[in-house]
Amino acid sequence: MKFFFFDLDGTLEDSRIDMVSAAQHVRSALGLPQRTLEDLVPHVNRGMRELYLNCFNDFVSPAGELANEVKLAHVQTMYEQRYNDCIAVETKLYPGIRSALEDAKTLGLVAVITNKPEKLSIKL
């Protein structure tokens, strides 16, 4: 039996725009200024805590202080709700991925591994 393991974000699909869009929405709801796409994209596929700490650093750890865990939890709740609501507006499989997965499935078991929260991963 053969096994094929794939990462989700950045390997199978490109979710960067939807993730940045959710971050921008939450920044706006928190009264924070918008940031450029170039500023936020590097942080969206490195794990959710990394995203929260870097995309909302001016809220969760102003002036370079240690992250306020209560504010971090608040950002997490807001972000996951918004991202859940618009998880696949712009997200697309990379070219050739669908057929590659179908081919792999004929050869063995296929599994997707991700650090995205389970509820969001299942929906996506």
Foldseek 3Di string as FASTA:
>chain_A
DDEAEAEDDPTFKDQLVLLLVLLQVLCVVVVHDRDDSVQQSVQRQPADLSNLCRSVVCQQPNPNHPGDVVSSVVSVVSSVVSCLVVVVPPMDTDPPNVVVVVVVVVVHHYYYDYNPDPVSVVSD
